[in-house]
Amino acid sequence: MSAQENYTPRLQAEYANTIKKAMQEEHGYKNVHEIPKLEKIVLNCGAGESTQDSRKAQNAADDLTLIAGQKAVVTRAKKSIATYKVREDMPLGAKVTLRGKQMYDFMDRLVNIALPRVRDFRGLKKNSCDGRGNYAMGIKEHIVFPEINYDKIDSIRGMDIVICTSAKTDDEARSLLKKFKLPIKD
């Protein structure tokens, strides 16, 4: 067994040791399986200029692969839209879904490295939940992640980050994410 297999992310250990207990005390869950947890994090990066140059979507996928630590998939148009000069099956962007150890590692880097590097950052909006315990946010510049070499990028892209939890309400999800130190404004 390699050292990589025995590795437990810091946030995953913190969730198991402290966050679960705090959530149970705060919300009064009777069963440990009721306690909300992170299920997945979805990163999505659109490359709008890919209608002129199809390599832009592949470059977005390469950047997203570096950020996530897992191979990103190029997203393609499902149908043609003449107004936007989009043809069916044309590459439009990239996405990656993180679960398990990669998810906790990304969450750690997002909270402790990337968000503090965002210019004029004053916290995340508290009303960005969808009603089912999922939190969505956007980042305007993907260069806030340390994995991206500023000299080698072709253009600065924004990205969407959706954090999916097993929480049943938005309040439970916000409470869980605040315990993971996500800077949500009150």
C-alpha atoms as a PDB file:
ATOM      1  CA  MET A   1       0.000   0.000   0.000  1.00  0.00           C
ATOM      2  CA  SER A   2       1.464   3.360  -1.010  1.00  0.00           C
ATOM      3  CA  ALA A   3       1.589   6.523   1.072  1.00  0.00           C
ATOM      4  CA  GLN A   4      -0.883   8.133  -1.360  1.00  0.00           C
ATOM      5  CA  GLU A   5      -3.565   5.569  -0.431  1.00  0.00           C
ATOM      6  CA  ASN A   6      -3.129   6.213   3.307  1.00  0.00           C
ATOM      7  CA  TYR A   7      -3.331   9.988   2.868  1.00  0.00           C
ATOM      8  CA  THR A   8      -6.348  11.707   4.447  1.00  0.00           C
ATOM      9  CA  PRO A   9      -6.994  15.348   3.519  1.00  0.00           C
ATOM     10  CA  ARG A  10      -6.869  17.822   6.396  1.00  0.00           C
ATOM     11  CA  LEU A  11     -10.466  19.003   5.911  1.00  0.00           C
ATOM     12  CA  GLN A  12     -11.788  15.445   5.727  1.00  0.00           C
ATOM     13  CA  ALA A  13     -10.189  14.660   9.093  1.00  0.00           C
ATOM     14  CA  GLU A  14     -11.495  17.938  10.529  1.00  0.00           C
ATOM     15  CA  TYR A  15     -15.013  17.059   9.321  1.00  0.00           C
ATOM     16  CA  ALA A  16     -14.871  13.624  10.940  1.00  0.00           C
ATOM     17  CA  ASN A  17     -13.386  14.857  14.227  1.00  0.00           C
ATOM     18  CA  THR A  18     -15.002  18.241  14.921  1.00  0.00           C
ATOM     19  CA  ILE A  19     -17.483  19.475  12.306  1.00  0.00           C
ATOM     20  CA  LYS A  20     -19.823  16.465  12.562  1.00  0.00           C
ATOM     21  CA  LYS A  21     -20.095  16.847  16.343  1.00  0.00           C
ATOM     22  CA  ALA A  22     -20.650  20.605  16.093  1.00  0.00           C
ATOM     23  CA  MET A  23     -23.384  20.149  13.461  1.00  0.00           C
ATOM     24  CA  GLN A  24     -25.097  17.475  15.571  1.00  0.00           C
ATOM     25  CA  GLU A  25     -25.105  19.728  18.645  1.00  0.00           C
ATOM     26  CA  GLU A  26     -26.231  22.805  16.707  1.00  0.00           C
ATOM     27  CA  HIS A  27     -29.116  21.193  14.812  1.00  0.00           C
ATOM     28  CA  GLY A  28     -30.005  18.339  17.191  1.00  0.00           C
ATOM     29  CA  TYR A  29     -29.719  15.438  14.760  1.00  0.00           C
ATOM     30  CA  LYS A  30     -30.695  12.145  16.385  1.00  0.00           C
ATOM     31  CA  ASN A  31     -29.046   9.924  13.767  1.00  0.00           C
ATOM     32  CA  VAL A  32     -25.450  10.382  12.554  1.00  0.00           C
ATOM     33  CA  HIS A  33     -26.596   9.765   8.978  1.00  0.00           C
ATOM     34  CA  GLU A  34     -28.743  12.931   9.128  1.00  0.00           C
ATOM     35  CA  ILE A  35     -25.664  15.124   9.547  1.00  0.00           C
ATOM     36  CA  PRO A  36     -25.005  17.023   6.280  1.00  0.00           C
ATOM     37  CA  LYS A  37     -21.760  16.367   4.434  1.00  0.00           C
ATOM     38  CA  LEU A  38     -20.050  17.468   1.251  1.00  0.00           C
ATOM     39  CA  GLU A  39     -21.064  15.227  -1.639  1.00  0.00           C
ATOM     40  CA  LYS A  40     -19.274  16.765  -4.631  1.00  0.00           C
ATOM     41  CA  ILE A  41     -17.821  19.949  -6.058  1.00  0.00           C
ATOM     42  CA  VAL A  42     -18.434  20.749  -9.719  1.00  0.00           C
ATOM     43  CA  LEU A  43     -16.119  23.181 -11.545  1.00  0.00           C
ATOM     44  CA  ASN A  44     -17.330  24.629 -14.840  1.00  0.00           C
ATOM     45  CA  CYS A  45     -15.409  26.934 -17.137  1.00  0.00           C
ATOM     46  CA  GLY A  46     -16.923  28.357 -20.291  1.00  0.00           C
ATOM     47  CA  ALA A  47     -14.745  29.411 -23.208  1.00  0.00           C
ATOM     48  CA  GLY A  48     -17.045  31.775 -25.112  1.00  0.00           C
ATOM     49  CA  GLU A  49     -14.409  32.619 -27.684  1.00  0.00           C
ATOM     50  CA  SER A  50     -14.221  28.924 -28.625  1.00  0.00           C
ATOM     51  CA  THR A  51     -16.741  29.530 -31.443  1.00  0.00           C
ATOM     52  CA  GLN A  52     -13.876  31.097 -33.431  1.00  0.00           C
ATOM     53  CA  ASP A  53     -11.066  28.845 -32.152  1.00  0.00           C
ATOM     54  CA  SER A  54     -11.814  25.311 -30.931  1.00  0.00           C
ATOM     55  CA  ARG A  55      -8.449  25.109 -29.107  1.00  0.00           C
ATOM     56  CA  LYS A  56      -9.751  27.608 -26.511  1.00  0.00           C
ATOM     57  CA  ALA A  57     -12.046  24.940 -25.013  1.00  0.00           C
ATOM     58  CA  GLN A  58      -9.135  22.492 -24.801  1.00  0.00           C
ATOM     59  CA  ASN A  59      -6.974  25.151 -23.133  1.00  0.00           C
ATOM     60  CA  ALA A  60      -9.798  25.749 -20.618  1.00  0.00           C
ATOM     61  CA  ALA A  61      -9.920  21.997 -19.952  1.00  0.00           C
ATOM     62  CA  ASP A  62      -6.144  21.894 -19.430  1.00  0.00           C
ATOM     63  CA  ASP A  63      -6.302  24.798 -16.949  1.00  0.00           C
ATOM     64  CA  LEU A  64      -9.222  23.181 -15.112  1.00  0.00           C
ATOM     65  CA  THR A  65      -7.286  19.898 -14.934  1.00  0.00           C
ATOM     66  CA  LEU A  66      -4.383  21.721 -13.264  1.00  0.00           C
ATOM     67  CA  ILE A  67      -6.695  23.440 -10.771  1.00  0.00           C
ATOM     68  CA  ALA A  68      -8.728  20.347  -9.881  1.00  0.00           C
ATOM     69  CA  GLY A  69      -5.989  17.731  -9.925  1.00  0.00           C
ATOM     70  CA  GLN A  70      -8.304  15.539 -11.985  1.00  0.00           C
ATOM     71  CA  LYS A  71      -8.884  15.359 -15.752  1.00  0.00           C
ATOM     72  CA  ALA A  72     -11.470  17.838 -17.005  1.00  0.00           C
ATOM     73  CA  VAL A  73     -13.920  17.045 -19.810  1.00  0.00           C
ATOM     74  CA  VAL A  74     -14.571  19.364 -22.755  1.00  0.00           C
ATOM     75  CA  THR A  75     -18.267  20.298 -22.889  1.00  0.00           C
ATOM     76  CA  ARG A  76     -19.973  20.423 -26.270  1.00  0.00           C
ATOM     77  CA  ALA A  77     -23.078  22.151 -27.643  1.00  0.00           C
ATOM     78  CA  LYS A  78     -26.179  19.952 -27.682  1.00  0.00           C
ATOM     79  CA  LYS A  79     -27.829  21.895 -30.485  1.00  0.00           C
ATOM     80  CA  SER A  80     -27.055  24.670 -32.949  1.00  0.00           C
ATOM     81  CA  ILE A  81     -27.857  28.296 -32.050  1.00  0.00           C
ATOM     82  CA  ALA A  82     -27.369  30.596 -35.046  1.00  0.00           C
ATOM     83  CA  THR A  83     -27.503  33.806 -32.965  1.00  0.00           C
ATOM     84  CA  TYR A  84     -24.350  32.810 -31.093  1.00  0.00           C
ATOM     85  CA  LYS A  85     -22.705  31.127 -34.108  1.00  0.00           C
ATOM     86  CA  VAL A  86     -22.776  27.790 -32.281  1.00  0.00           C
ATOM     87  CA  ARG A  87     -23.043  24.535 -34.172  1.00  0.00           C
ATOM     88  CA  GLU A  88     -24.072  21.185 -32.745  1.00  0.00           C
ATOM     89  CA  ASP A  89     -21.209  19.291 -31.056  1.00  0.00           C
ATOM     90  CA  MET A  90     -18.977  22.395 -31.033  1.00  0.00           C
ATOM     91  CA  PRO A  91     -16.649  22.599 -27.974  1.00  0.00           C
ATOM     92  CA  LEU A  92     -17.815  25.350 -25.601  1.00  0.00           C
ATOM     93  CA  GLY A  93     -15.937  24.905 -22.326  1.00  0.00           C
ATOM     94  CA  ALA A  94     -14.860  22.366 -19.736  1.00  0.00           C
ATOM     95  CA  LYS A  95     -16.094  20.834 -16.509  1.00  0.00           C
ATOM     96  CA  VAL A  96     -14.869  18.506 -13.787  1.00  0.00           C
ATOM     97  CA  THR A  97     -16.644  16.850 -10.854  1.00  0.00           C
ATOM     98  CA  LEU A  98     -14.640  16.261  -7.683  1.00  0.00           C
ATOM     99  CA  ARG A  99     -15.521  13.710  -5.008  1.00  0.00           C
ATOM    100  CA  GLY A 100     -13.680  12.158  -2.095  1.00  0.00           C
ATOM    101  CA  LYS A 101     -10.092  13.188  -1.390  1.00  0.00           C
ATOM    102  CA  GLN A 102      -9.787  15.497  -4.414  1.00  0.00           C
ATOM    103  CA  MET A 103     -12.928  17.326  -3.278  1.00  0.00           C
ATOM    104  CA  TYR A 104     -11.564  17.980   0.230  1.00  0.00           C
ATOM    105  CA  ASP A 105      -8.160  19.012  -1.157  1.00  0.00           C
ATOM    106  CA  PHE A 106      -9.803  21.467  -3.572  1.00  0.00           C
ATOM    107  CA  MET A 107     -12.026  22.897  -0.826  1.00  0.00           C
ATOM    108  CA  ASP A 108      -8.940  23.449   1.341  1.00  0.00           C
ATOM    109  CA  ARG A 109      -7.098  25.261  -1.490  1.00  0.00           C
ATOM    110  CA  LEU A 110     -10.198  27.298  -2.365  1.00  0.00           C
ATOM    111  CA  VAL A 111     -10.732  28.564   1.193  1.00  0.00           C
ATOM    112  CA  ASN A 112      -7.109  29.067   2.255  1.00  0.00           C
ATOM    113  CA  ILE A 113      -5.312  30.059  -0.964  1.00  0.00           C
ATOM    114  CA  ALA A 114      -7.594  31.069  -3.847  1.00  0.00           C
ATOM    115  CA  LEU A 115     -10.308  33.201  -2.202  1.00  0.00           C
ATOM    116  CA  PRO A 116      -7.825  35.339  -0.204  1.00  0.00           C
ATOM    117  CA  ARG A 117      -6.056  36.116  -3.517  1.00  0.00           C
ATOM    118  CA  VAL A 118      -9.234  37.492  -5.153  1.00  0.00           C
ATOM    119  CA  ARG A 119      -9.034  41.259  -5.618  1.00  0.00           C
ATOM    120  CA  ASP A 120     -11.436  43.326  -3.457  1.00  0.00           C
ATOM    121  CA  PHE A 121     -12.837  40.182  -1.816  1.00  0.00           C
ATOM    122  CA  ARG A 122     -15.366  40.927   0.925  1.00  0.00           C
ATOM    123  CA  GLY A 123     -16.920  37.495   1.428  1.00  0.00           C
ATOM    124  CA  LEU A 124     -19.418  35.305  -0.408  1.00  0.00           C
ATOM    125  CA  LYS A 125     -23.134  36.041  -0.699  1.00  0.00           C
ATOM    126  CA  LYS A 126     -25.301  34.101   1.732  1.00  0.00           C
ATOM    127  CA  ASN A 127     -28.236  33.819  -0.694  1.00  0.00           C
ATOM    128  CA  SER A 128     -26.348  31.770  -3.302  1.00  0.00           C
ATOM    129  CA  CYS A 129     -27.973  28.520  -2.176  1.00  0.00           C
ATOM    130  CA  ASP A 130     -30.512  26.814  -4.416  1.00  0.00           C
ATOM    131  CA  GLY A 131     -33.058  25.691  -1.813  1.00  0.00           C
ATOM    132  CA  ARG A 132     -31.755  22.117  -1.677  1.00  0.00           C
ATOM    133  CA  GLY A 133     -28.506  22.677   0.206  1.00  0.00           C
ATOM    134  CA  ASN A 134     -26.204  23.370  -2.755  1.00  0.00           C
ATOM    135  CA  TYR A 135     -24.042  26.496  -2.893  1.00  0.00           C
ATOM    136  CA  ALA A 136     -22.980  28.107  -6.184  1.00  0.00           C
ATOM    137  CA  MET A 137     -20.363  30.805  -6.677  1.00  0.00           C
ATOM    138  CA  GLY A 138     -18.359  32.316  -9.493  1.00  0.00           C
ATOM    139  CA  ILE A 139     -14.747  33.402  -9.775  1.00  0.00           C
ATOM    140  CA  LYS A 140     -13.873  36.027 -12.400  1.00  0.00           C
ATOM    141  CA  GLU A 141     -10.199  35.106 -12.788  1.00  0.00           C
ATOM    142  CA  HIS A 142      -8.931  31.549 -12.691  1.00  0.00           C
ATOM    143  CA  ILE A 143      -5.392  32.800 -12.073  1.00  0.00           C
ATOM    144  CA  VAL A 144      -6.076  33.073  -8.317  1.00  0.00           C
ATOM    145  CA  PHE A 145      -5.212  29.368  -8.089  1.00  0.00           C
ATOM    146  CA  PRO A 146      -1.478  28.777  -7.559  1.00  0.00           C
ATOM    147  CA  GLU A 147      -1.413  25.852 -10.027  1.00  0.00           C
ATOM    148  CA  ILE A 148      -1.895  28.224 -12.964  1.00  0.00           C
ATOM    149  CA  ASN A 149       1.312  29.663 -14.416  1.00  0.00           C
ATOM    150  CA  TYR A 150       0.440  33.252 -15.315  1.00  0.00           C
ATOM    151  CA  ASP A 151       2.976  33.360 -18.180  1.00  0.00           C
ATOM    152  CA  LYS A 152       1.549  30.313 -19.994  1.00  0.00           C
ATOM    153  CA  ILE A 153      -2.176  31.168 -20.132  1.00  0.00           C
ATOM    154  CA  ASP A 154      -3.783  32.367 -23.362  1.00  0.00           C
ATOM    155  CA  SER A 155      -6.636  34.293 -21.697  1.00  0.00           C
ATOM    156  CA  ILE A 156      -8.083  34.893 -18.238  1.00  0.00           C
ATOM    157  CA  ARG A 157     -11.260  32.895 -17.709  1.00  0.00           C
ATOM    158  CA  GLY A 158     -13.961  32.875 -15.090  1.00  0.00           C
ATOM    159  CA  MET A 159     -15.310  29.711 -13.581  1.00  0.00           C
ATOM    160  CA  ASP A 160     -18.365  28.473 -11.715  1.00  0.00           C
ATOM    161  CA  ILE A 161     -17.986  26.419  -8.552  1.00  0.00           C
ATOM    162  CA  VAL A 162     -20.967  24.459  -7.216  1.00  0.00           C
ATOM    163  CA  ILE A 163     -20.594  22.829  -3.805  1.00  0.00           C
ATOM    164  CA  CYS A 164     -23.189  20.067  -3.387  1.00  0.00           C
ATOM    165  CA  THR A 165     -24.054  18.993   0.158  1.00  0.00           C
ATOM    166  CA  SER A 166     -26.485  16.482   1.595  1.00  0.00           C
ATOM    167  CA  ALA A 167     -28.161  19.250   3.644  1.00  0.00           C
ATOM    168  CA  LYS A 168     -31.924  19.474   3.285  1.00  0.00           C
ATOM    169  CA  THR A 169     -32.190  23.242   3.801  1.00  0.00           C
ATOM    170  CA  ASP A 170     -30.112  26.281   2.883  1.00  0.00           C
ATOM    171  CA  ASP A 171     -29.530  27.156   6.542  1.00  0.00           C
ATOM    172  CA  GLU A 172     -28.012  23.715   7.220  1.00  0.00           C
ATOM    173  CA  ALA A 173     -25.813  24.043   4.120  1.00  0.00           C
ATOM    174  CA  ARG A 174     -24.595  27.519   5.119  1.00  0.00           C
ATOM    175  CA  SER A 175     -23.887  26.283   8.647  1.00  0.00           C
ATOM    176  CA  LEU A 176     -21.862  23.349   7.274  1.00  0.00           C
ATOM    177  CA  LEU A 177     -19.902  25.515   4.817  1.00  0.00           C
ATOM    178  CA  LYS A 178     -19.116  28.095   7.502  1.00  0.00           C
ATOM    179  CA  LYS A 179     -17.669  25.305   9.632  1.00  0.00           C
ATOM    180  CA  PHE A 180     -15.416  24.477   6.649  1.00  0.00           C
ATOM    181  CA  LYS A 181     -14.314  28.161   6.931  1.00  0.00           C
ATOM    182  CA  LEU A 182     -15.959  29.250   3.671  1.00  0.00           C
ATOM    183  CA  PRO A 183     -16.218  33.067   4.106  1.00  0.00           C
ATOM    184  CA  ILE A 184     -19.984  33.525   3.725  1.00  0.00           C
ATOM    185  CA  LYS A 185     -21.244  36.965   4.773  1.00  0.00           C
ATOM    186  CA  ASP A 186     -24.065  37.138   7.342  1.00  0.00           C
END
